[in-house]
Amino acid sequence: MKRMGLRVAALAMRVMAFAHSADAQARLGVAAGLAVPTGEFADFAKSGFNIEGNLEFRPESMPFGLRADVFFNRFAIDEDATGIDGNFRAFGAALNALFQMAGVSATPYLVVGPTITNLGGSADNVDIESETKVGAQAGVGVKFPLSGMTSRIEARYHTIFTEDDATNMFLINFGIMSGGR
């Protein structure tokens, strides 16, 4: 877990250095919302929550922006379906391409990128062995100006590639960003 944290920090430093050298304007943001398990994951997990931090920039020379996300998702184990009390958690990072469309007061956008996620949790007060896996996410959103900041509403589908299948979730969140454009 420490190694993943160091890699995420190193990636963030490289992204910030690239953004500065490319004369891009960086934006910092936070978001929170609903995390809904889908597919087989929904058979034993209940809806939960999503919290994330974002660093976004758009170099003038590129036709799209980049957004680095650090996220935490938590889901309760469905005790009615499993007979087990506990929770699942997903902690990770993503590097997304951000395709903004023209907008007057609202700016729609598409977001897509790879993720790295550490999955774990606890069941009946015993820790579930954690594992780190790669994945992908894609979604749509709309940005709105908000008194010196920008607010956003976003919906994303996140797939984490696990041994037997995939862990899938649908995220709906609201966020604010400051700085840049």
N, C-alpha and C. Protein backbone atom coordinates (compact mmCIF):
# COMPACT_ATOMS: atom_id res chain seq x y z
N MET A 1 0.83 -1.18 0.00
CA MET A 1 0.00 0.00 0.00
C MET A 1 0.87 1.25 0.00
N LYS A 2 1.99 1.24 0.77
CA LYS A 2 2.90 2.38 0.79
C LYS A 2 3.49 2.60 -0.59
N ARG A 3 3.85 1.51 -1.26
CA ARG A 3 4.44 1.60 -2.58
C ARG A 3 3.47 2.25 -3.56
N MET A 4 2.19 1.88 -3.50
CA MET A 4 1.19 2.48 -4.38
C MET A 4 1.05 3.96 -4.07
N GLY A 5 1.06 4.34 -2.80
CA GLY A 5 0.96 5.75 -2.42
C GLY A 5 2.13 6.55 -2.97
N LEU A 6 3.35 5.98 -2.90
CA LEU A 6 4.51 6.67 -3.45
C LEU A 6 4.41 6.81 -4.96
N ARG A 7 3.91 5.80 -5.64
CA ARG A 7 3.75 5.87 -7.09
C ARG A 7 2.73 6.93 -7.47
N VAL A 8 1.62 6.99 -6.73
CA VAL A 8 0.59 8.01 -7.00
C VAL A 8 1.17 9.40 -6.78
N ALA A 9 1.94 9.59 -5.70
CA ALA A 9 2.55 10.89 -5.43
C ALA A 9 3.54 11.27 -6.52
N ALA A 10 4.36 10.31 -6.98
CA ALA A 10 5.31 10.58 -8.06
C ALA A 10 4.59 10.94 -9.35
N LEU A 11 3.50 10.23 -9.65
CA LEU A 11 2.72 10.54 -10.84
C LEU A 11 2.12 11.93 -10.75
N ALA A 12 1.60 12.29 -9.59
CA ALA A 12 1.02 13.63 -9.40
C ALA A 12 2.08 14.70 -9.60
N MET A 13 3.30 14.49 -9.10
CA MET A 13 4.39 15.46 -9.28
C MET A 13 4.74 15.61 -10.75
N ARG A 14 4.80 14.49 -11.48
CA ARG A 14 5.10 14.56 -12.92
C ARG A 14 3.99 15.29 -13.67
N VAL A 15 2.74 15.00 -13.33
CA VAL A 15 1.61 15.66 -13.97
C VAL A 15 1.68 17.16 -13.71
N MET A 16 1.97 17.56 -12.46
CA MET A 16 2.04 18.99 -12.13
C MET A 16 3.20 19.66 -12.86
N ALA A 17 4.35 18.97 -12.97
CA ALA A 17 5.49 19.54 -13.68
C ALA A 17 5.16 19.71 -15.16
N PHE A 18 4.51 18.72 -15.76
CA PHE A 18 4.11 18.81 -17.16
C PHE A 18 3.11 19.94 -17.36
N ALA A 19 2.17 20.06 -16.46
CA ALA A 19 1.16 21.12 -16.57
C ALA A 19 1.81 22.49 -16.51
N HIS A 20 2.80 22.67 -15.63
CA HIS A 20 3.47 23.96 -15.50
C HIS A 20 4.30 24.25 -16.74
N SER A 21 5.03 23.24 -17.24
CA SER A 21 5.88 23.46 -18.40
C SER A 21 5.07 23.68 -19.66
N ALA A 22 3.88 23.16 -19.74
CA ALA A 22 3.05 23.31 -20.93
C ALA A 22 2.17 24.56 -20.84
N ASP A 23 2.42 25.42 -19.85
CA ASP A 23 1.65 26.65 -19.65
C ASP A 23 0.16 26.35 -19.51
N ALA A 24 -0.16 25.32 -18.79
CA ALA A 24 -1.56 24.96 -18.54
C ALA A 24 -1.99 25.53 -17.20
N GLN A 25 -3.28 25.68 -17.04
CA GLN A 25 -3.81 26.16 -15.77
C GLN A 25 -4.36 24.97 -15.00
N ALA A 26 -3.84 24.77 -13.81
CA ALA A 26 -4.26 23.63 -13.00
C ALA A 26 -5.46 24.01 -12.15
N ARG A 27 -6.31 23.02 -11.91
CA ARG A 27 -7.48 23.19 -11.04
C ARG A 27 -7.46 22.07 -10.02
N LEU A 28 -7.77 22.42 -8.79
CA LEU A 28 -7.90 21.43 -7.72
C LEU A 28 -9.37 21.27 -7.40
N GLY A 29 -9.78 20.05 -7.09
CA GLY A 29 -11.18 19.83 -6.78
C GLY A 29 -11.41 18.70 -5.81
N VAL A 30 -12.63 18.68 -5.30
CA VAL A 30 -13.10 17.59 -4.45
C VAL A 30 -14.50 17.22 -4.94
N ALA A 31 -14.88 15.98 -4.73
CA ALA A 31 -16.21 15.52 -5.13
C ALA A 31 -16.66 14.41 -4.18
N ALA A 32 -17.95 14.23 -4.09
CA ALA A 32 -18.52 13.16 -3.27
C ALA A 32 -19.86 12.77 -3.85
N GLY A 33 -20.26 11.54 -3.59
CA GLY A 33 -21.56 11.11 -4.10
C GLY A 33 -21.85 9.65 -3.83
N LEU A 34 -22.72 9.12 -4.65
CA LEU A 34 -23.25 7.77 -4.52
C LEU A 34 -22.41 6.77 -5.32
N ALA A 35 -22.15 5.60 -4.75
CA ALA A 35 -21.47 4.50 -5.42
C ALA A 35 -22.42 3.30 -5.42
N VAL A 36 -22.79 2.84 -6.59
CA VAL A 36 -23.76 1.75 -6.73
C VAL A 36 -23.08 0.53 -7.33
N PRO A 37 -23.03 -0.60 -6.61
CA PRO A 37 -22.44 -1.81 -7.20
C PRO A 37 -23.32 -2.33 -8.33
N THR A 38 -22.70 -2.88 -9.37
CA THR A 38 -23.44 -3.45 -10.49
C THR A 38 -22.91 -4.85 -10.79
N GLY A 39 -23.62 -5.57 -11.64
CA GLY A 39 -23.21 -6.93 -12.01
C GLY A 39 -23.22 -7.85 -10.81
N GLU A 40 -22.30 -8.81 -10.79
CA GLU A 40 -22.22 -9.78 -9.68
C GLU A 40 -21.88 -9.11 -8.35
N PHE A 41 -21.18 -7.99 -8.40
CA PHE A 41 -20.84 -7.27 -7.17
C PHE A 41 -22.11 -6.84 -6.44
N ALA A 42 -23.15 -6.51 -7.18
CA ALA A 42 -24.43 -6.08 -6.59
C ALA A 42 -25.15 -7.22 -5.88
N ASP A 43 -24.77 -8.48 -6.15
CA ASP A 43 -25.41 -9.63 -5.49
C ASP A 43 -25.09 -9.68 -4.00
N PHE A 44 -23.96 -9.09 -3.58
CA PHE A 44 -23.58 -9.18 -2.17
C PHE A 44 -23.14 -7.84 -1.56
N ALA A 45 -23.24 -6.74 -2.32
CA ALA A 45 -22.89 -5.43 -1.78
C ALA A 45 -24.05 -4.46 -1.96
N LYS A 46 -24.19 -3.55 -1.00
CA LYS A 46 -25.21 -2.51 -1.07
C LYS A 46 -24.59 -1.21 -1.58
N SER A 47 -25.43 -0.28 -1.99
CA SER A 47 -24.95 1.02 -2.42
C SER A 47 -24.16 1.67 -1.29
N GLY A 48 -23.17 2.48 -1.69
CA GLY A 48 -22.31 3.13 -0.72
C GLY A 48 -22.01 4.56 -1.13
N PHE A 49 -20.82 5.01 -0.78
CA PHE A 49 -20.46 6.39 -1.10
C PHE A 49 -19.10 6.46 -1.77
N ASN A 50 -18.85 7.59 -2.42
CA ASN A 50 -17.62 7.88 -3.15
C ASN A 50 -17.11 9.25 -2.70
N ILE A 51 -15.82 9.34 -2.38
CA ILE A 51 -15.17 10.61 -2.08
C ILE A 51 -13.91 10.66 -2.94
N GLU A 52 -13.64 11.82 -3.55
CA GLU A 52 -12.44 11.90 -4.37
C GLU A 52 -11.84 13.29 -4.36
N GLY A 53 -10.54 13.34 -4.67
CA GLY A 53 -9.81 14.57 -4.87
C GLY A 53 -9.33 14.58 -6.31
N ASN A 54 -9.28 15.75 -6.93
CA ASN A 54 -8.94 15.85 -8.34
C ASN A 54 -7.89 16.92 -8.60
N LEU A 55 -7.04 16.68 -9.57
CA LEU A 55 -6.12 17.68 -10.12
C LEU A 55 -6.34 17.65 -11.62
N GLU A 56 -6.79 18.76 -12.17
CA GLU A 56 -7.16 18.82 -13.59
C GLU A 56 -6.36 19.93 -14.27
N PHE A 57 -5.93 19.66 -15.48
CA PHE A 57 -5.30 20.70 -16.27
C PHE A 57 -5.49 20.42 -17.75
N ARG A 58 -5.38 21.50 -18.52
CA ARG A 58 -5.54 21.38 -19.96
C ARG A 58 -4.45 22.20 -20.64
N PRO A 59 -3.37 21.55 -21.06
CA PRO A 59 -2.31 22.26 -21.78
C PRO A 59 -2.87 22.86 -23.08
N GLU A 60 -2.41 24.07 -23.39
CA GLU A 60 -2.90 24.77 -24.59
C GLU A 60 -2.64 23.96 -25.86
N SER A 61 -1.56 23.18 -25.86
CA SER A 61 -1.18 22.44 -27.07
C SER A 61 -1.95 21.13 -27.26
N MET A 62 -2.79 20.76 -26.31
CA MET A 62 -3.51 19.48 -26.41
C MET A 62 -4.99 19.70 -26.65
N PRO A 63 -5.61 18.83 -27.44
CA PRO A 63 -7.04 18.97 -27.72
C PRO A 63 -7.94 18.46 -26.58
N PHE A 64 -7.34 17.91 -25.54
CA PHE A 64 -8.11 17.41 -24.39
C PHE A 64 -7.34 17.72 -23.11
N GLY A 65 -8.04 17.67 -22.00
CA GLY A 65 -7.42 17.90 -20.71
C GLY A 65 -7.06 16.59 -20.05
N LEU A 66 -6.37 16.69 -18.94
CA LEU A 66 -6.02 15.53 -18.12
C LEU A 66 -6.52 15.77 -16.71
N ARG A 67 -6.99 14.71 -16.07
CA ARG A 67 -7.43 14.82 -14.69
C ARG A 67 -6.94 13.61 -13.91
N ALA A 68 -6.22 13.87 -12.83
CA ALA A 68 -5.77 12.81 -11.93
C ALA A 68 -6.75 12.78 -10.75
N ASP A 69 -7.24 11.61 -10.42
CA ASP A 69 -8.18 11.42 -9.32
C ASP A 69 -7.57 10.50 -8.27
N VAL A 70 -7.82 10.79 -7.02
CA VAL A 70 -7.57 9.87 -5.90
C VAL A 70 -8.94 9.65 -5.27
N PHE A 71 -9.34 8.39 -5.09
CA PHE A 71 -10.71 8.13 -4.65
C PHE A 71 -10.79 7.09 -3.53
N PHE A 72 -11.92 7.15 -2.81
CA PHE A 72 -12.25 6.17 -1.78
C PHE A 72 -13.73 5.86 -1.92
N ASN A 73 -14.06 4.58 -2.08
CA ASN A 73 -15.45 4.11 -2.16
C ASN A 73 -15.67 3.10 -1.04
N ARG A 74 -16.87 3.12 -0.46
CA ARG A 74 -17.19 2.15 0.59
C ARG A 74 -18.60 1.61 0.36
N PHE A 75 -18.74 0.30 0.52
CA PHE A 75 -20.01 -0.39 0.34
C PHE A 75 -20.25 -1.30 1.53
N ALA A 76 -21.49 -1.38 1.98
CA ALA A 76 -21.85 -2.34 3.04
C ALA A 76 -22.08 -3.70 2.39
N ILE A 77 -21.70 -4.76 3.10
CA ILE A 77 -22.03 -6.11 2.64
C ILE A 77 -23.51 -6.31 2.87
N ASP A 78 -24.20 -6.89 1.90
CA ASP A 78 -25.64 -7.14 2.01
C ASP A 78 -25.84 -8.30 2.97
N GLU A 79 -26.16 -8.00 4.22
CA GLU A 79 -26.29 -9.03 5.25
C GLU A 79 -27.46 -9.97 4.97
N ASP A 80 -28.53 -9.46 4.36
CA ASP A 80 -29.68 -10.31 4.02
C ASP A 80 -29.29 -11.38 3.00
N ALA A 81 -28.42 -11.04 2.06
CA ALA A 81 -28.02 -11.99 1.01
C ALA A 81 -26.89 -12.91 1.44
N THR A 82 -26.02 -12.44 2.35
CA THR A 82 -24.82 -13.21 2.68
C THR A 82 -24.80 -13.76 4.11
N GLY A 83 -25.58 -13.15 5.00
CA GLY A 83 -25.53 -13.54 6.41
C GLY A 83 -24.28 -13.03 7.10
N ILE A 84 -23.55 -12.13 6.44
CA ILE A 84 -22.30 -11.59 6.97
C ILE A 84 -22.46 -10.08 7.18
N ASP A 85 -21.94 -9.57 8.27
CA ASP A 85 -21.94 -8.14 8.54
C ASP A 85 -20.55 -7.60 8.21
N GLY A 86 -20.49 -6.51 7.47
CA GLY A 86 -19.19 -5.93 7.15
C GLY A 86 -19.29 -4.92 6.02
N ASN A 87 -18.10 -4.63 5.43
CA ASN A 87 -18.06 -3.66 4.34
C ASN A 87 -16.91 -3.96 3.39
N PHE A 88 -17.04 -3.42 2.20
CA PHE A 88 -15.98 -3.46 1.19
C PHE A 88 -15.51 -2.03 1.01
N ARG A 89 -14.24 -1.87 0.64
CA ARG A 89 -13.73 -0.55 0.32
C ARG A 89 -12.84 -0.64 -0.91
N ALA A 90 -12.79 0.46 -1.63
CA ALA A 90 -11.92 0.58 -2.81
C ALA A 90 -11.20 1.92 -2.69
N PHE A 91 -9.88 1.87 -2.65
CA PHE A 91 -9.06 3.08 -2.56
C PHE A 91 -8.12 3.06 -3.75
N GLY A 92 -8.05 4.16 -4.50
CA GLY A 92 -7.17 4.13 -5.66
C GLY A 92 -6.97 5.46 -6.33
N ALA A 93 -6.46 5.38 -7.56
CA ALA A 93 -6.14 6.55 -8.35
C ALA A 93 -6.47 6.29 -9.81
N ALA A 94 -6.71 7.37 -10.54
CA ALA A 94 -7.00 7.28 -11.96
C ALA A 94 -6.33 8.44 -12.68
N LEU A 95 -5.97 8.22 -13.93
CA LEU A 95 -5.48 9.29 -14.79
C LEU A 95 -6.40 9.31 -16.01
N ASN A 96 -7.19 10.37 -16.13
CA ASN A 96 -8.24 10.43 -17.14
C ASN A 96 -7.95 11.45 -18.23
N ALA A 97 -8.42 11.13 -19.43
CA ALA A 97 -8.49 12.12 -20.50
C ALA A 97 -9.85 12.80 -20.35
N LEU A 98 -9.87 14.12 -20.50
CA LEU A 98 -11.08 14.91 -20.30
C LEU A 98 -11.39 15.66 -21.59
N PHE A 99 -12.49 15.29 -22.23
CA PHE A 99 -12.89 15.91 -23.50
C PHE A 99 -14.06 16.86 -23.25
N GLN A 100 -13.76 18.17 -23.21
CA GLN A 100 -14.80 19.17 -22.97
C GLN A 100 -15.42 19.61 -24.28
N MET A 101 -16.73 19.82 -24.26
CA MET A 101 -17.44 20.32 -25.42
C MET A 101 -17.76 21.79 -25.19
N ALA A 102 -18.08 22.48 -26.26
CA ALA A 102 -18.40 23.91 -26.13
C ALA A 102 -19.69 24.08 -25.34
N GLY A 103 -19.69 25.08 -24.48
CA GLY A 103 -20.87 25.37 -23.70
C GLY A 103 -20.89 26.84 -23.32
N VAL A 104 -22.06 27.39 -23.11
CA VAL A 104 -22.17 28.79 -22.73
C VAL A 104 -22.14 28.90 -21.21
N SER A 105 -23.20 28.50 -20.54
CA SER A 105 -23.19 28.54 -19.08
C SER A 105 -22.90 27.17 -18.49
N ALA A 106 -23.11 26.12 -19.24
CA ALA A 106 -22.81 24.75 -18.81
C ALA A 106 -21.88 24.13 -19.85
N THR A 107 -20.88 23.41 -19.37
CA THR A 107 -19.92 22.77 -20.26
C THR A 107 -19.98 21.26 -20.10
N PRO A 108 -20.56 20.54 -21.07
CA PRO A 108 -20.58 19.08 -20.98
C PRO A 108 -19.18 18.51 -21.29
N TYR A 109 -18.90 17.33 -20.74
CA TYR A 109 -17.61 16.70 -21.00
C TYR A 109 -17.72 15.17 -20.90
N LEU A 110 -16.73 14.51 -21.49
CA LEU A 110 -16.55 13.06 -21.40
C LEU A 110 -15.24 12.82 -20.65
N VAL A 111 -15.19 11.78 -19.85
CA VAL A 111 -13.99 11.44 -19.11
C VAL A 111 -13.74 9.94 -19.26
N VAL A 112 -12.48 9.55 -19.50
CA VAL A 112 -12.15 8.13 -19.67
C VAL A 112 -10.69 7.93 -19.27
N GLY A 113 -10.40 6.81 -18.60
CA GLY A 113 -9.02 6.54 -18.24
C GLY A 113 -8.82 5.28 -17.43
N PRO A 114 -7.55 4.90 -17.27
CA PRO A 114 -7.20 3.71 -16.48
C PRO A 114 -7.20 4.04 -14.99
N THR A 115 -7.37 3.00 -14.18
CA THR A 115 -7.37 3.14 -12.72
C THR A 115 -6.47 2.08 -12.10
N ILE A 116 -6.04 2.34 -10.89
CA ILE A 116 -5.39 1.33 -10.05
C ILE A 116 -6.11 1.41 -8.71
N THR A 117 -6.59 0.26 -8.24
CA THR A 117 -7.46 0.25 -7.06
C THR A 117 -7.05 -0.84 -6.09
N ASN A 118 -7.01 -0.49 -4.81
CA ASN A 118 -6.78 -1.46 -3.76
C ASN A 118 -8.14 -1.82 -3.17
N LEU A 119 -8.52 -3.09 -3.28
CA LEU A 119 -9.80 -3.58 -2.77
C LEU A 119 -9.57 -4.29 -1.44
N GLY A 120 -10.47 -4.07 -0.51
CA GLY A 120 -10.37 -4.72 0.79
C GLY A 120 -11.64 -4.52 1.58
N GLY A 121 -11.56 -4.63 2.89
CA GLY A 121 -12.72 -4.43 3.75
C GLY A 121 -12.65 -5.28 4.98
N SER A 122 -13.82 -5.49 5.59
CA SER A 122 -13.88 -6.37 6.76
C SER A 122 -15.24 -7.08 6.77
N ALA A 123 -15.24 -8.31 7.28
CA ALA A 123 -16.45 -9.12 7.39
C ALA A 123 -16.47 -9.75 8.76
N ASP A 124 -17.57 -9.54 9.48
CA ASP A 124 -17.69 -10.06 10.85
C ASP A 124 -16.46 -9.72 11.68
N ASN A 125 -16.04 -8.45 11.60
CA ASN A 125 -14.90 -7.90 12.35
C ASN A 125 -13.56 -8.54 12.03
N VAL A 126 -13.44 -9.17 10.87
CA VAL A 126 -12.17 -9.73 10.42
C VAL A 126 -11.82 -9.04 9.10
N ASP A 127 -10.57 -8.56 8.99
CA ASP A 127 -10.16 -7.88 7.76
C ASP A 127 -10.17 -8.83 6.57
N ILE A 128 -10.70 -8.33 5.45
CA ILE A 128 -10.65 -9.06 4.19
C ILE A 128 -9.29 -8.76 3.57
N GLU A 129 -8.59 -9.78 3.11
CA GLU A 129 -7.27 -9.58 2.52
C GLU A 129 -7.41 -8.62 1.33
N SER A 130 -6.58 -7.58 1.32
CA SER A 130 -6.68 -6.60 0.25
C SER A 130 -5.83 -7.02 -0.95
N GLU A 131 -6.22 -6.52 -2.11
CA GLU A 131 -5.48 -6.77 -3.34
C GLU A 131 -5.56 -5.52 -4.21
N THR A 132 -4.51 -5.27 -4.96
CA THR A 132 -4.45 -4.10 -5.84
C THR A 132 -4.61 -4.56 -7.28
N LYS A 133 -5.54 -3.95 -7.99
CA LYS A 133 -5.88 -4.34 -9.36
C LYS A 133 -5.99 -3.12 -10.26
N VAL A 134 -5.80 -3.34 -11.56
CA VAL A 134 -6.01 -2.27 -12.53
C VAL A 134 -7.45 -2.30 -13.01
N GLY A 135 -7.89 -1.22 -13.60
CA GLY A 135 -9.25 -1.13 -14.11
C GLY A 135 -9.37 0.01 -15.10
N ALA A 136 -10.59 0.38 -15.38
CA ALA A 136 -10.87 1.48 -16.31
C ALA A 136 -12.17 2.13 -15.90
N GLN A 137 -12.32 3.39 -16.27
CA GLN A 137 -13.57 4.08 -16.02
C GLN A 137 -13.88 5.02 -17.19
N ALA A 138 -15.17 5.28 -17.37
CA ALA A 138 -15.63 6.20 -18.40
C ALA A 138 -16.91 6.84 -17.91
N GLY A 139 -17.12 8.09 -18.30
CA GLY A 139 -18.33 8.76 -17.84
C GLY A 139 -18.59 10.06 -18.56
N VAL A 140 -19.66 10.71 -18.12
CA VAL A 140 -20.07 12.00 -18.66
C VAL A 140 -20.32 12.95 -17.49
N GLY A 141 -20.20 14.24 -17.77
CA GLY A 141 -20.45 15.22 -16.73
C GLY A 141 -20.80 16.57 -17.33
N VAL A 142 -21.17 17.47 -16.46
CA VAL A 142 -21.47 18.84 -16.85
C VAL A 142 -20.86 19.76 -15.81
N LYS A 143 -20.12 20.78 -16.27
CA LYS A 143 -19.54 21.78 -15.38
C LYS A 143 -20.38 23.06 -15.45
N PHE A 144 -20.52 23.72 -14.28
CA PHE A 144 -21.27 24.97 -14.17
C PHE A 144 -20.41 25.98 -13.42
N PRO A 145 -20.37 27.25 -13.90
CA PRO A 145 -19.65 28.27 -13.13
C PRO A 145 -20.38 28.53 -11.80
N LEU A 146 -19.59 28.78 -10.75
CA LEU A 146 -20.17 28.97 -9.43
C LEU A 146 -19.32 29.97 -8.64
N SER A 147 -19.59 31.23 -8.76
CA SER A 147 -18.97 32.30 -7.96
C SER A 147 -17.47 32.08 -7.70
N GLY A 148 -16.66 32.17 -8.74
CA GLY A 148 -15.22 32.02 -8.59
C GLY A 148 -14.73 30.60 -8.64
N MET A 149 -15.61 29.64 -8.65
CA MET A 149 -15.25 28.23 -8.74
C MET A 149 -16.08 27.60 -9.87
N THR A 150 -15.88 26.33 -10.04
CA THR A 150 -16.67 25.57 -11.00
C THR A 150 -17.26 24.38 -10.26
N SER A 151 -18.55 24.15 -10.44
CA SER A 151 -19.18 22.96 -9.86
C SER A 151 -19.36 21.95 -10.98
N ARG A 152 -19.51 20.69 -10.61
CA ARG A 152 -19.73 19.66 -11.63
C ARG A 152 -20.62 18.55 -11.10
N ILE A 153 -21.36 17.98 -12.01
CA ILE A 153 -22.14 16.77 -11.74
C ILE A 153 -21.63 15.74 -12.73
N GLU A 154 -21.35 14.53 -12.24
CA GLU A 154 -20.71 13.53 -13.09
C GLU A 154 -21.26 12.14 -12.81
N ALA A 155 -21.35 11.33 -13.85
CA ALA A 155 -21.74 9.92 -13.74
C ALA A 155 -20.65 9.10 -14.45
N ARG A 156 -20.11 8.10 -13.74
CA ARG A 156 -19.04 7.26 -14.30
C ARG A 156 -19.32 5.79 -14.05
N TYR A 157 -18.86 4.97 -14.97
CA TYR A 157 -18.89 3.52 -14.79
C TYR A 157 -17.45 3.08 -14.56
N HIS A 158 -17.19 2.37 -13.47
CA HIS A 158 -15.84 1.97 -13.08
C HIS A 158 -15.78 0.44 -13.01
N THR A 159 -14.84 -0.14 -13.75
CA THR A 159 -14.61 -1.58 -13.75
C THR A 159 -13.22 -1.86 -13.21
N ILE A 160 -13.15 -2.78 -12.25
CA ILE A 160 -11.87 -3.21 -11.68
C ILE A 160 -11.69 -4.67 -12.10
N PHE A 161 -10.61 -4.96 -12.80
CA PHE A 161 -10.38 -6.31 -13.32
C PHE A 161 -9.81 -7.19 -12.21
N THR A 162 -10.62 -8.16 -11.77
CA THR A 162 -10.21 -9.08 -10.71
C THR A 162 -9.97 -10.46 -11.31
N GLU A 163 -9.53 -11.41 -10.50
CA GLU A 163 -9.14 -12.75 -10.97
C GLU A 163 -10.23 -13.45 -11.78
N ASP A 164 -11.39 -13.63 -11.20
CA ASP A 164 -12.44 -14.41 -11.84
C ASP A 164 -13.31 -13.60 -12.78
N ASP A 165 -13.57 -12.37 -12.43
CA ASP A 165 -14.54 -11.56 -13.15
C ASP A 165 -14.09 -10.11 -13.05
N ALA A 166 -15.01 -9.23 -12.84
CA ALA A 166 -14.70 -7.82 -12.63
C ALA A 166 -15.60 -7.29 -11.52
N THR A 167 -15.08 -6.32 -10.80
CA THR A 167 -15.88 -5.62 -9.80
C THR A 167 -16.33 -4.33 -10.47
N ASN A 168 -17.63 -4.15 -10.61
CA ASN A 168 -18.17 -3.01 -11.35
C ASN A 168 -18.99 -2.13 -10.43
N MET A 169 -18.91 -0.82 -10.70
CA MET A 169 -19.71 0.12 -9.93
C MET A 169 -20.06 1.33 -10.80
N PHE A 170 -21.15 1.94 -10.44
CA PHE A 170 -21.63 3.15 -11.10
C PHE A 170 -21.54 4.27 -10.08
N LEU A 171 -20.85 5.35 -10.43
CA LEU A 171 -20.63 6.46 -9.50
C LEU A 171 -21.35 7.70 -9.98
N ILE A 172 -22.05 8.36 -9.09
CA ILE A 172 -22.70 9.64 -9.38
C ILE A 172 -22.20 10.60 -8.31
N ASN A 173 -21.53 11.69 -8.73
CA ASN A 173 -21.03 12.60 -7.72
C ASN A 173 -21.17 14.06 -8.11
N PHE A 174 -21.06 14.90 -7.10
CA PHE A 174 -21.09 16.35 -7.25
C PHE A 174 -19.76 16.87 -6.73
N GLY A 175 -19.16 17.79 -7.46
CA GLY A 175 -17.87 18.31 -7.03
C GLY A 175 -17.72 19.78 -7.30
N ILE A 176 -16.68 20.35 -6.70
CA ILE A 176 -16.30 21.74 -6.96
C ILE A 176 -14.82 21.78 -7.27
N MET A 177 -14.44 22.72 -8.13
CA MET A 177 -13.04 22.90 -8.52
C MET A 177 -12.71 24.38 -8.42
N SER A 178 -11.46 24.66 -8.05
CA SER A 178 -11.03 26.05 -7.99
C SER A 178 -9.75 26.20 -8.78
N GLY A 179 -9.48 27.43 -9.22
CA GLY A 179 -8.27 27.73 -9.98
C GLY A 179 -8.45 27.48 -11.46
N GLY A 180 -7.53 27.99 -12.25
CA GLY A 180 -7.50 27.75 -13.70
C GLY A 180 -8.75 28.19 -14.41
N ARG A 181 -9.03 27.45 -15.48
CA ARG A 181 -10.20 27.78 -16.28
C ARG A 181 -11.09 26.59 -16.49
